[in-house]
C-alpha atoms as a PDB file:
ATOM      1  CA  MET A   1      14.596 169.297 130.371  1.00  0.00           C
ATOM      2  CA  TYR A   2      11.997 166.752 131.457  1.00  0.00           C
ATOM      3  CA  ALA A   3      13.078 163.681 133.436  1.00  0.00           C
ATOM      4  CA  GLU A   4      12.326 161.338 130.510  1.00  0.00           C
ATOM      5  CA  GLU A   5      14.400 163.476 128.124  1.00  0.00           C
ATOM      6  CA  ARG A   6      17.297 163.522 130.594  1.00  0.00           C
ATOM      7  CA  GLN A   7      17.082 159.768 131.065  1.00  0.00           C
ATOM      8  CA  GLN A   8      17.149 159.150 127.324  1.00  0.00           C
ATOM      9  CA  GLU A   9      20.250 161.330 127.016  1.00  0.00           C
ATOM     10  CA  ILE A  10      21.883 159.471 129.918  1.00  0.00           C
ATOM     11  CA  LEU A  11      21.151 156.178 128.166  1.00  0.00           C
ATOM     12  CA  ARG A  12      22.543 157.502 124.876  1.00  0.00           C
ATOM     13  CA  ARG A  13      25.770 158.592 126.582  1.00  0.00           C
ATOM     14  CA  ALA A  14      26.119 155.290 128.410  1.00  0.00           C
ATOM     15  CA  ARG A  15      25.814 153.360 125.178  1.00  0.00           C
ATOM     16  CA  ALA A  16      28.213 155.699 123.373  1.00  0.00           C
ATOM     17  CA  VAL A  17      31.066 155.565 125.899  1.00  0.00           C
ATOM     18  CA  GLY A  18      30.279 152.402 127.888  1.00  0.00           C
ATOM     19  CA  ARG A  19      29.716 154.025 131.296  1.00  0.00           C
ATOM     20  CA  VAL A  20      28.237 157.131 132.960  1.00  0.00           C
ATOM     21  CA  ASP A  21      29.290 158.753 136.224  1.00  0.00           C
ATOM     22  CA  VAL A  22      26.793 160.214 138.727  1.00  0.00           C
ATOM     23  CA  VAL A  23      28.846 163.286 139.672  1.00  0.00           C
ATOM     24  CA  THR A  24      29.716 164.170 136.073  1.00  0.00           C
ATOM     25  CA  LEU A  25      26.107 163.813 134.964  1.00  0.00           C
ATOM     26  CA  ALA A  26      24.876 165.989 137.823  1.00  0.00           C
ATOM     27  CA  GLU A  27      27.283 168.741 136.808  1.00  0.00           C
ATOM     28  CA  GLU A  28      26.464 168.526 133.104  1.00  0.00           C
ATOM     29  CA  PHE A  29      22.680 168.543 133.625  1.00  0.00           C
ATOM     30  CA  SER A  30      22.805 171.064 136.499  1.00  0.00           C
ATOM     31  CA  VAL A  31      20.839 168.816 138.840  1.00  0.00           C
ATOM     32  CA  THR A  32      21.620 167.113 142.134  1.00  0.00           C
ATOM     33  CA  THR A  33      23.373 163.765 142.391  1.00  0.00           C
ATOM     34  CA  GLU A  34      20.188 162.432 144.039  1.00  0.00           C
ATOM     35  CA  THR A  35      18.238 163.324 140.885  1.00  0.00           C
ATOM     36  CA  ILE A  36      20.762 161.479 138.722  1.00  0.00           C
ATOM     37  CA  ARG A  37      20.617 158.437 141.020  1.00  0.00           C
ATOM     38  CA  ARG A  38      16.826 158.395 140.644  1.00  0.00           C
ATOM     39  CA  ASP A  39      17.278 158.581 136.861  1.00  0.00           C
ATOM     40  CA  LEU A  40      19.696 155.653 136.931  1.00  0.00           C
ATOM     41  CA  THR A  41      17.324 153.658 139.113  1.00  0.00           C
ATOM     42  CA  ALA A  42      14.495 154.280 136.642  1.00  0.00           C
ATOM     43  CA  LEU A  43      16.700 153.191 133.741  1.00  0.00           C
ATOM     44  CA  GLU A  44      17.800 150.094 135.627  1.00  0.00           C
ATOM     45  CA  ARG A  45      14.172 149.159 136.316  1.00  0.00           C
ATOM     46  CA  ALA A  46      13.532 149.583 132.582  1.00  0.00           C
ATOM     47  CA  GLY A  47      16.242 147.003 131.975  1.00  0.00           C
ATOM     48  CA  VAL A  48      18.555 149.194 129.888  1.00  0.00           C
ATOM     49  CA  LEU A  49      21.238 150.157 132.443  1.00  0.00           C
ATOM     50  CA  ARG A  50      22.898 148.291 135.285  1.00  0.00           C
ATOM     51  CA  ARG A  51      23.951 150.312 138.355  1.00  0.00           C
ATOM     52  CA  VAL A  52      27.607 150.071 139.376  1.00  0.00           C
ATOM     53  CA  HIS A  53      29.616 151.946 142.012  1.00  0.00           C
ATOM     54  CA  GLY A  54      29.476 155.666 141.193  1.00  0.00           C
ATOM     55  CA  GLY A  55      27.439 155.303 138.014  1.00  0.00           C
ATOM     56  CA  ALA A  56      25.991 152.823 135.538  1.00  0.00           C
ATOM     57  CA  ILE A  57      26.803 150.835 132.409  1.00  0.00           C
ATOM     58  CA  PRO A  58      24.530 149.752 129.530  1.00  0.00           C
ATOM     59  CA  VAL A  59      23.259 146.205 129.854  1.00  0.00           C
ATOM     60  CA  GLU A  60      24.604 145.194 126.454  1.00  0.00           C
ATOM     61  CA  ARG A  61      28.145 145.690 127.769  1.00  0.00           C
ATOM     62  CA  LEU A  62      27.384 142.906 130.248  1.00  0.00           C
ATOM     63  CA  GLY A  63      26.087 140.594 127.542  1.00  0.00           C
ATOM     64  CA  PHE A  64      22.686 141.020 129.194  1.00  0.00           C
ATOM     65  CA  GLU A  65      19.431 141.137 127.250  1.00  0.00           C
ATOM     66  CA  PRO A  66      16.361 142.614 128.980  1.00  0.00           C
ATOM     67  CA  ALA A  67      13.433 140.238 129.318  1.00  0.00           C
ATOM     68  CA  LEU A  68      10.368 140.780 127.121  1.00  0.00           C
ATOM     69  CA  ALA A  69       8.208 141.797 130.094  1.00  0.00           C
ATOM     70  CA  THR A  70      10.753 144.474 131.027  1.00  0.00           C
ATOM     71  CA  ARG A  71      10.956 145.851 127.496  1.00  0.00           C
ATOM     72  CA  ASP A  72       7.178 145.886 127.236  1.00  0.00           C
ATOM     73  CA  GLU A  73       7.029 148.524 129.990  1.00  0.00           C
ATOM     74  CA  VAL A  74       9.347 150.982 128.205  1.00  0.00           C
ATOM     75  CA  MET A  75       8.354 153.527 125.514  1.00  0.00           C
ATOM     76  CA  THR A  76       4.750 152.349 125.669  1.00  0.00           C
ATOM     77  CA  ALA A  77       3.163 155.404 124.022  1.00  0.00           C
ATOM     78  CA  GLU A  78       5.734 155.370 121.218  1.00  0.00           C
ATOM     79  CA  LYS A  79       5.202 151.661 120.601  1.00  0.00           C
ATOM     80  CA  GLU A  80       1.442 152.155 120.388  1.00  0.00           C
ATOM     81  CA  ARG A  81       1.894 154.843 117.719  1.00  0.00           C
ATOM     82  CA  ILE A  82       4.337 152.670 115.784  1.00  0.00           C
ATOM     83  CA  ALA A  83       1.915 149.732 115.821  1.00  0.00           C
ATOM     84  CA  LYS A  84      -0.958 151.900 114.561  1.00  0.00           C
ATOM     85  CA  ALA A  85       1.223 153.241 111.733  1.00  0.00           C
ATOM     86  CA  ALA A  86       2.175 149.660 110.812  1.00  0.00           C
ATOM     87  CA  LEU A  87      -1.474 148.860 110.010  1.00  0.00           C
ATOM     88  CA  ALA A  88      -0.989 150.784 106.747  1.00  0.00           C
ATOM     89  CA  GLU A  89       1.447 148.063 105.638  1.00  0.00           C
ATOM     90  CA  LEU A  90      -1.013 145.188 106.114  1.00  0.00           C
ATOM     91  CA  PRO A  91      -2.268 143.509 102.939  1.00  0.00           C
ATOM     92  CA  GLU A  92      -6.023 143.215 102.389  1.00  0.00           C
ATOM     93  CA  ASP A  93      -5.604 139.451 102.472  1.00  0.00           C
ATOM     94  CA  GLY A  94      -2.732 137.001 102.173  1.00  0.00           C
ATOM     95  CA  ALA A  95      -0.001 136.086 104.653  1.00  0.00           C
ATOM     96  CA  VAL A  96       2.226 138.004 107.048  1.00  0.00           C
ATOM     97  CA  ILE A  97       4.982 137.198 109.511  1.00  0.00           C
ATOM     98  CA  ILE A  98       5.002 138.967 112.875  1.00  0.00           C
ATOM     99  CA  ASP A  99       8.335 138.648 114.673  1.00  0.00           C
ATOM    100  CA  ALA A 100       8.548 138.216 118.453  1.00  0.00           C
ATOM    101  CA  GLY A 101       8.934 141.534 120.279  1.00  0.00           C
ATOM    102  CA  SER A 102       7.273 144.140 122.458  1.00  0.00           C
ATOM    103  CA  THR A 103       6.377 146.556 119.632  1.00  0.00           C
ATOM    104  CA  THR A 104       5.274 143.809 117.248  1.00  0.00           C
ATOM    105  CA  GLY A 105       3.154 142.487 120.115  1.00  0.00           C
ATOM    106  CA  ARG A 106       1.206 145.723 120.081  1.00  0.00           C
ATOM    107  CA  LEU A 107       0.547 145.282 116.376  1.00  0.00           C
ATOM    108  CA  VAL A 108      -0.932 141.856 117.119  1.00  0.00           C
ATOM    109  CA  ARG A 109      -3.393 143.403 119.584  1.00  0.00           C
ATOM    110  CA  ILE A 110      -4.807 145.854 117.033  1.00  0.00           C
ATOM    111  CA  LEU A 111      -4.983 143.717 113.892  1.00  0.00           C
ATOM    112  CA  PRO A 112      -8.294 144.609 112.186  1.00  0.00           C
ATOM    113  CA  ALA A 113     -11.159 142.142 112.408  1.00  0.00           C
ATOM    114  CA  ASP A 114     -12.123 142.555 108.740  1.00  0.00           C
ATOM    115  CA  ARG A 115      -8.957 141.095 107.168  1.00  0.00           C
ATOM    116  CA  GLU A 116      -8.679 137.428 106.196  1.00  0.00           C
ATOM    117  CA  LEU A 117      -5.010 136.810 106.919  1.00  0.00           C
ATOM    118  CA  THR A 118      -2.623 133.976 107.587  1.00  0.00           C
ATOM    119  CA  VAL A 119      -0.304 135.099 110.369  1.00  0.00           C
ATOM    120  CA  ILE A 120       2.976 133.304 111.074  1.00  0.00           C
ATOM    121  CA  VAL A 121       4.566 133.914 114.483  1.00  0.00           C
ATOM    122  CA  ASN A 122       7.486 132.528 116.485  1.00  0.00           C
ATOM    123  CA  SER A 123       6.123 133.554 119.862  1.00  0.00           C
ATOM    124  CA  PRO A 124       3.655 131.528 121.992  1.00  0.00           C
ATOM    125  CA  PRO A 125       2.180 134.677 123.619  1.00  0.00           C
ATOM    126  CA  LEU A 126       1.493 136.180 120.187  1.00  0.00           C
ATOM    127  CA  ALA A 127       0.021 132.912 118.931  1.00  0.00           C
ATOM    128  CA  THR A 128      -2.271 132.756 121.978  1.00  0.00           C
ATOM    129  CA  ALA A 129      -3.423 136.339 121.450  1.00  0.00           C
ATOM    130  CA  LEU A 130      -4.224 135.609 117.788  1.00  0.00           C
ATOM    131  CA  ALA A 131      -5.815 132.175 118.230  1.00  0.00           C
ATOM    132  CA  ALA A 132      -9.246 133.476 119.262  1.00  0.00           C
ATOM    133  CA  ARG A 133      -9.584 135.674 116.161  1.00  0.00           C
ATOM    134  CA  PRO A 134     -11.978 133.919 113.735  1.00  0.00           C
ATOM    135  CA  ASN A 135     -10.754 135.841 110.678  1.00  0.00           C
ATOM    136  CA  LEU A 136      -7.137 134.732 111.107  1.00  0.00           C
ATOM    137  CA  SER A 137      -5.315 131.523 110.313  1.00  0.00           C
ATOM    138  CA  VAL A 138      -2.402 131.290 112.742  1.00  0.00           C
ATOM    139  CA  ILE A 139       0.785 129.314 112.146  1.00  0.00           C
ATOM    140  CA  MET A 140       3.085 128.895 115.132  1.00  0.00           C
ATOM    141  CA  LEU A 141       6.711 128.107 114.341  1.00  0.00           C
ATOM    142  CA  GLY A 142       8.184 125.387 116.553  1.00  0.00           C
ATOM    143  CA  GLY A 143      11.654 125.055 117.964  1.00  0.00           C
ATOM    144  CA  ARG A 144      13.547 125.840 121.142  1.00  0.00           C
ATOM    145  CA  LEU A 145      11.864 128.558 123.213  1.00  0.00           C
ATOM    146  CA  ARG A 146      14.154 131.319 124.478  1.00  0.00           C
ATOM    147  CA  GLY A 147      12.917 132.236 127.945  1.00  0.00           C
ATOM    148  CA  ARG A 148      14.172 135.803 127.822  1.00  0.00           C
ATOM    149  CA  THR A 149      12.370 136.799 124.620  1.00  0.00           C
ATOM    150  CA  LEU A 150       9.729 134.024 124.383  1.00  0.00           C
ATOM    151  CA  ALA A 151      10.782 133.433 120.779  1.00  0.00           C
ATOM    152  CA  THR A 152      11.200 130.041 119.133  1.00  0.00           C
ATOM    153  CA  VAL A 153      14.535 129.424 117.414  1.00  0.00           C
ATOM    154  CA  ASP A 154      16.755 126.761 115.828  1.00  0.00           C
ATOM    155  CA  ASP A 155      16.086 124.228 113.091  1.00  0.00           C
ATOM    156  CA  TRP A 156      12.421 123.427 113.815  1.00  0.00           C
ATOM    157  CA  ALA A 157      11.607 127.081 113.211  1.00  0.00           C
ATOM    158  CA  LEU A 158      14.065 127.593 110.342  1.00  0.00           C
ATOM    159  CA  ARG A 159      12.887 124.670 108.197  1.00  0.00           C
ATOM    160  CA  PRO A 160       9.233 125.810 107.860  1.00  0.00           C
ATOM    161  CA  LEU A 161      10.368 129.373 107.095  1.00  0.00           C
ATOM    162  CA  SER A 162      12.468 128.117 104.195  1.00  0.00           C
ATOM    163  CA  MET A 163       9.265 126.838 102.538  1.00  0.00           C
ATOM    164  CA  LEU A 164       7.036 129.858 103.167  1.00  0.00           C
ATOM    165  CA  ASN A 165       6.259 132.894 101.004  1.00  0.00           C
ATOM    166  CA  VAL A 166       4.491 135.827 102.670  1.00  0.00           C
ATOM    167  CA  ASP A 167       3.468 139.329 101.683  1.00  0.00           C
ATOM    168  CA  VAL A 168       4.976 141.252 104.600  1.00  0.00           C
ATOM    169  CA  ALA A 169       7.299 140.491 107.499  1.00  0.00           C
ATOM    170  CA  PHE A 170       6.908 142.819 110.483  1.00  0.00           C
ATOM    171  CA  MET A 171      10.288 142.697 112.197  1.00  0.00           C
ATOM    172  CA  ALA A 172      11.725 143.636 115.579  1.00  0.00           C
ATOM    173  CA  ALA A 173      15.366 144.477 116.350  1.00  0.00           C
ATOM    174  CA  ASN A 174      17.449 145.337 119.406  1.00  0.00           C
ATOM    175  CA  GLY A 175      19.686 147.682 117.454  1.00  0.00           C
ATOM    176  CA  CYS A 176      19.731 149.467 114.114  1.00  0.00           C
ATOM    177  CA  SER A 177      22.385 151.606 112.460  1.00  0.00           C
ATOM    178  CA  VAL A 178      23.305 152.703 108.954  1.00  0.00           C
ATOM    179  CA  GLU A 179      26.734 151.100 109.246  1.00  0.00           C
ATOM    180  CA  LYS A 180      25.846 147.774 110.882  1.00  0.00           C
ATOM    181  CA  GLY A 181      22.218 147.293 109.885  1.00  0.00           C
ATOM    182  CA  LEU A 182      19.767 145.393 112.108  1.00  0.00           C
ATOM    183  CA  THR A 183      21.237 143.481 115.037  1.00  0.00           C
ATOM    184  CA  THR A 184      20.197 141.364 118.024  1.00  0.00           C
ATOM    185  CA  PRO A 185      22.184 139.823 120.910  1.00  0.00           C
ATOM    186  CA  ASP A 186      21.436 136.168 120.130  1.00  0.00           C
ATOM    187  CA  PRO A 187      22.772 134.442 116.976  1.00  0.00           C
ATOM    188  CA  ALA A 188      19.924 131.893 117.016  1.00  0.00           C
ATOM    189  CA  GLU A 189      17.302 134.643 116.947  1.00  0.00           C
ATOM    190  CA  ALA A 190      19.273 136.438 114.248  1.00  0.00           C
ATOM    191  CA  ALA A 191      19.052 133.327 112.068  1.00  0.00           C
ATOM    192  CA  ILE A 192      15.251 133.208 112.461  1.00  0.00           C
ATOM    193  CA  LYS A 193      14.914 136.907 111.680  1.00  0.00           C
ATOM    194  CA  ARG A 194      17.091 136.497 108.589  1.00  0.00           C
ATOM    195  CA  ALA A 195      14.864 133.654 107.380  1.00  0.00           C
ATOM    196  CA  MET A 196      11.714 135.700 108.025  1.00  0.00           C
ATOM    197  CA  ILE A 197      12.986 138.537 105.849  1.00  0.00           C
ATOM    198  CA  LYS A 198      13.993 136.101 103.115  1.00  0.00           C
ATOM    199  CA  ALA A 199      10.463 134.599 103.112  1.00  0.00           C
ATOM    200  CA  ALA A 200       8.765 137.989 102.642  1.00  0.00           C
ATOM    201  CA  LYS A 201       8.106 140.160  99.600  1.00  0.00           C
ATOM    202  CA  ARG A 202       8.360 143.233 101.843  1.00  0.00           C
ATOM    203  CA  SER A 203       9.965 143.721 105.231  1.00  0.00           C
ATOM    204  CA  VAL A 204       8.900 146.368 107.748  1.00  0.00           C
ATOM    205  CA  LEU A 205      10.943 147.186 110.850  1.00  0.00           C
ATOM    206  CA  LEU A 206       9.034 148.355 113.939  1.00  0.00           C
ATOM    207  CA  ALA A 207      11.457 150.027 116.361  1.00  0.00           C
ATOM    208  CA  ASP A 208      11.280 152.933 118.780  1.00  0.00           C
ATOM    209  CA  HIS A 209      13.963 155.619 118.554  1.00  0.00           C
ATOM    210  CA  THR A 210      16.101 154.218 121.399  1.00  0.00           C
ATOM    211  CA  LYS A 211      17.106 151.291 119.133  1.00  0.00           C
ATOM    212  CA  PHE A 212      18.838 153.492 116.568  1.00  0.00           C
ATOM    213  CA  GLY A 213      22.586 153.862 116.728  1.00  0.00           C
ATOM    214  CA  ASP A 214      22.956 150.683 118.815  1.00  0.00           C
ATOM    215  CA  THR A 215      24.775 147.573 117.614  1.00  0.00           C
ATOM    216  CA  TYR A 216      24.499 144.081 119.092  1.00  0.00           C
ATOM    217  CA  LEU A 217      26.369 140.841 118.521  1.00  0.00           C
ATOM    218  CA  ALA A 218      24.478 139.270 115.620  1.00  0.00           C
ATOM    219  CA  ARG A 219      23.514 141.076 112.422  1.00  0.00           C
ATOM    220  CA  PHE A 220      20.500 139.766 110.535  1.00  0.00           C
ATOM    221  CA  ALA A 221      19.852 142.371 107.816  1.00  0.00           C
ATOM    222  CA  SER A 222      21.198 145.467 106.176  1.00  0.00           C
ATOM    223  CA  LEU A 223      19.009 148.538 105.820  1.00  0.00           C
ATOM    224  CA  GLN A 224      18.924 147.882 102.071  1.00  0.00           C
ATOM    225  CA  GLU A 225      16.996 144.668 102.804  1.00  0.00           C
ATOM    226  CA  ILE A 226      14.256 146.562 104.677  1.00  0.00           C
ATOM    227  CA  ASP A 227      11.475 148.302 102.762  1.00  0.00           C
ATOM    228  CA  VAL A 228       9.990 150.432 105.534  1.00  0.00           C
ATOM    229  CA  VAL A 229      11.237 151.549 108.958  1.00  0.00           C
ATOM    230  CA  ILE A 230       8.484 152.698 111.320  1.00  0.00           C
ATOM    231  CA  THR A 231       9.688 154.529 114.400  1.00  0.00           C
ATOM    232  CA  ASP A 232       8.560 157.460 116.567  1.00  0.00           C
ATOM    233  CA  THR A 233       9.245 161.193 116.490  1.00  0.00           C
ATOM    234  CA  GLY A 234      12.023 160.748 119.050  1.00  0.00           C
ATOM    235  CA  LEU A 235      14.265 159.882 116.094  1.00  0.00           C
ATOM    236  CA  ASP A 236      15.539 163.259 114.902  1.00  0.00           C
ATOM    237  CA  PRO A 237      14.913 164.278 111.264  1.00  0.00           C
ATOM    238  CA  ALA A 238      18.628 164.202 110.374  1.00  0.00           C
ATOM    239  CA  SER A 239      18.997 160.596 111.551  1.00  0.00           C
ATOM    240  CA  ALA A 240      15.781 159.643 109.759  1.00  0.00           C
ATOM    241  CA  ALA A 241      17.088 161.191 106.529  1.00  0.00           C
ATOM    242  CA  GLU A 242      20.388 159.330 106.869  1.00  0.00           C
ATOM    243  CA  MET A 243      18.464 156.109 107.387  1.00  0.00           C
ATOM    244  CA  ALA A 244      16.258 156.755 104.347  1.00  0.00           C
ATOM    245  CA  ALA A 245      19.317 157.462 102.191  1.00  0.00           C
ATOM    246  CA  ALA A 246      20.483 153.927 102.948  1.00  0.00           C
ATOM    247  CA  GLY A 247      17.375 152.440 101.343  1.00  0.00           C
ATOM    248  CA  PRO A 248      14.137 152.110 103.340  1.00  0.00           C
ATOM    249  CA  GLU A 249      11.218 154.485 103.608  1.00  0.00           C
ATOM    250  CA  VAL A 250      11.269 155.953 107.118  1.00  0.00           C
ATOM    251  CA  VAL A 251       8.005 156.735 108.927  1.00  0.00           C
ATOM    252  CA  ARG A 252       8.107 158.746 112.177  1.00  0.00           C
ATOM    253  CA  ALA A 253       4.791 158.067 113.937  1.00  0.00           C
END
């Protein structure tokens, strides 16, 4: 087993049971405790685990949400593939919403130069990246700026969304499951995401495989409300089939 595969399994176990123990993990993976400690350090640097005495716990158990910059450094190759696959969902012209997030941010970077699009965003960094593109009309939603995710929220963002109609909303989520749908830690961001989906004819979720099976505080959509889920091949075929049975088309890029 490669280090990355072992670390993903450690993260999965931590999220499933709420805590992992160094000694137990070393025995189960047949590696040294030093190797497991290095794995936990790597996962802590990625912002998904927090080290505690003798082991680690998932950050969501602490009510902690990793910052955007931290999340942008994790699963980079997978996020690039997801963003490229998402280009197939772009209309030839018209309007799209691109939600704040690390994977959606990669979609922004590769938007084709030959499409005349109106792009609505709730993220100053995404708006800045799009502003220099002559073929795009960029609408930046106002509101309170959340420092952790660099997303605008609250009424000044919600009111414009209630009056917009777009072709596609490209959405981000912290967690996704068949039972609980799409979730995020912050209720204010959940409200914005809910309004984005309501404003769109089609909704496309961009999420790497580590998001699946996780549930956070605030739900903003069921899987039946999502038309397409684009993820990576780290999501096993059985889970992808279960997801597709709940409604959306599932693409493993």
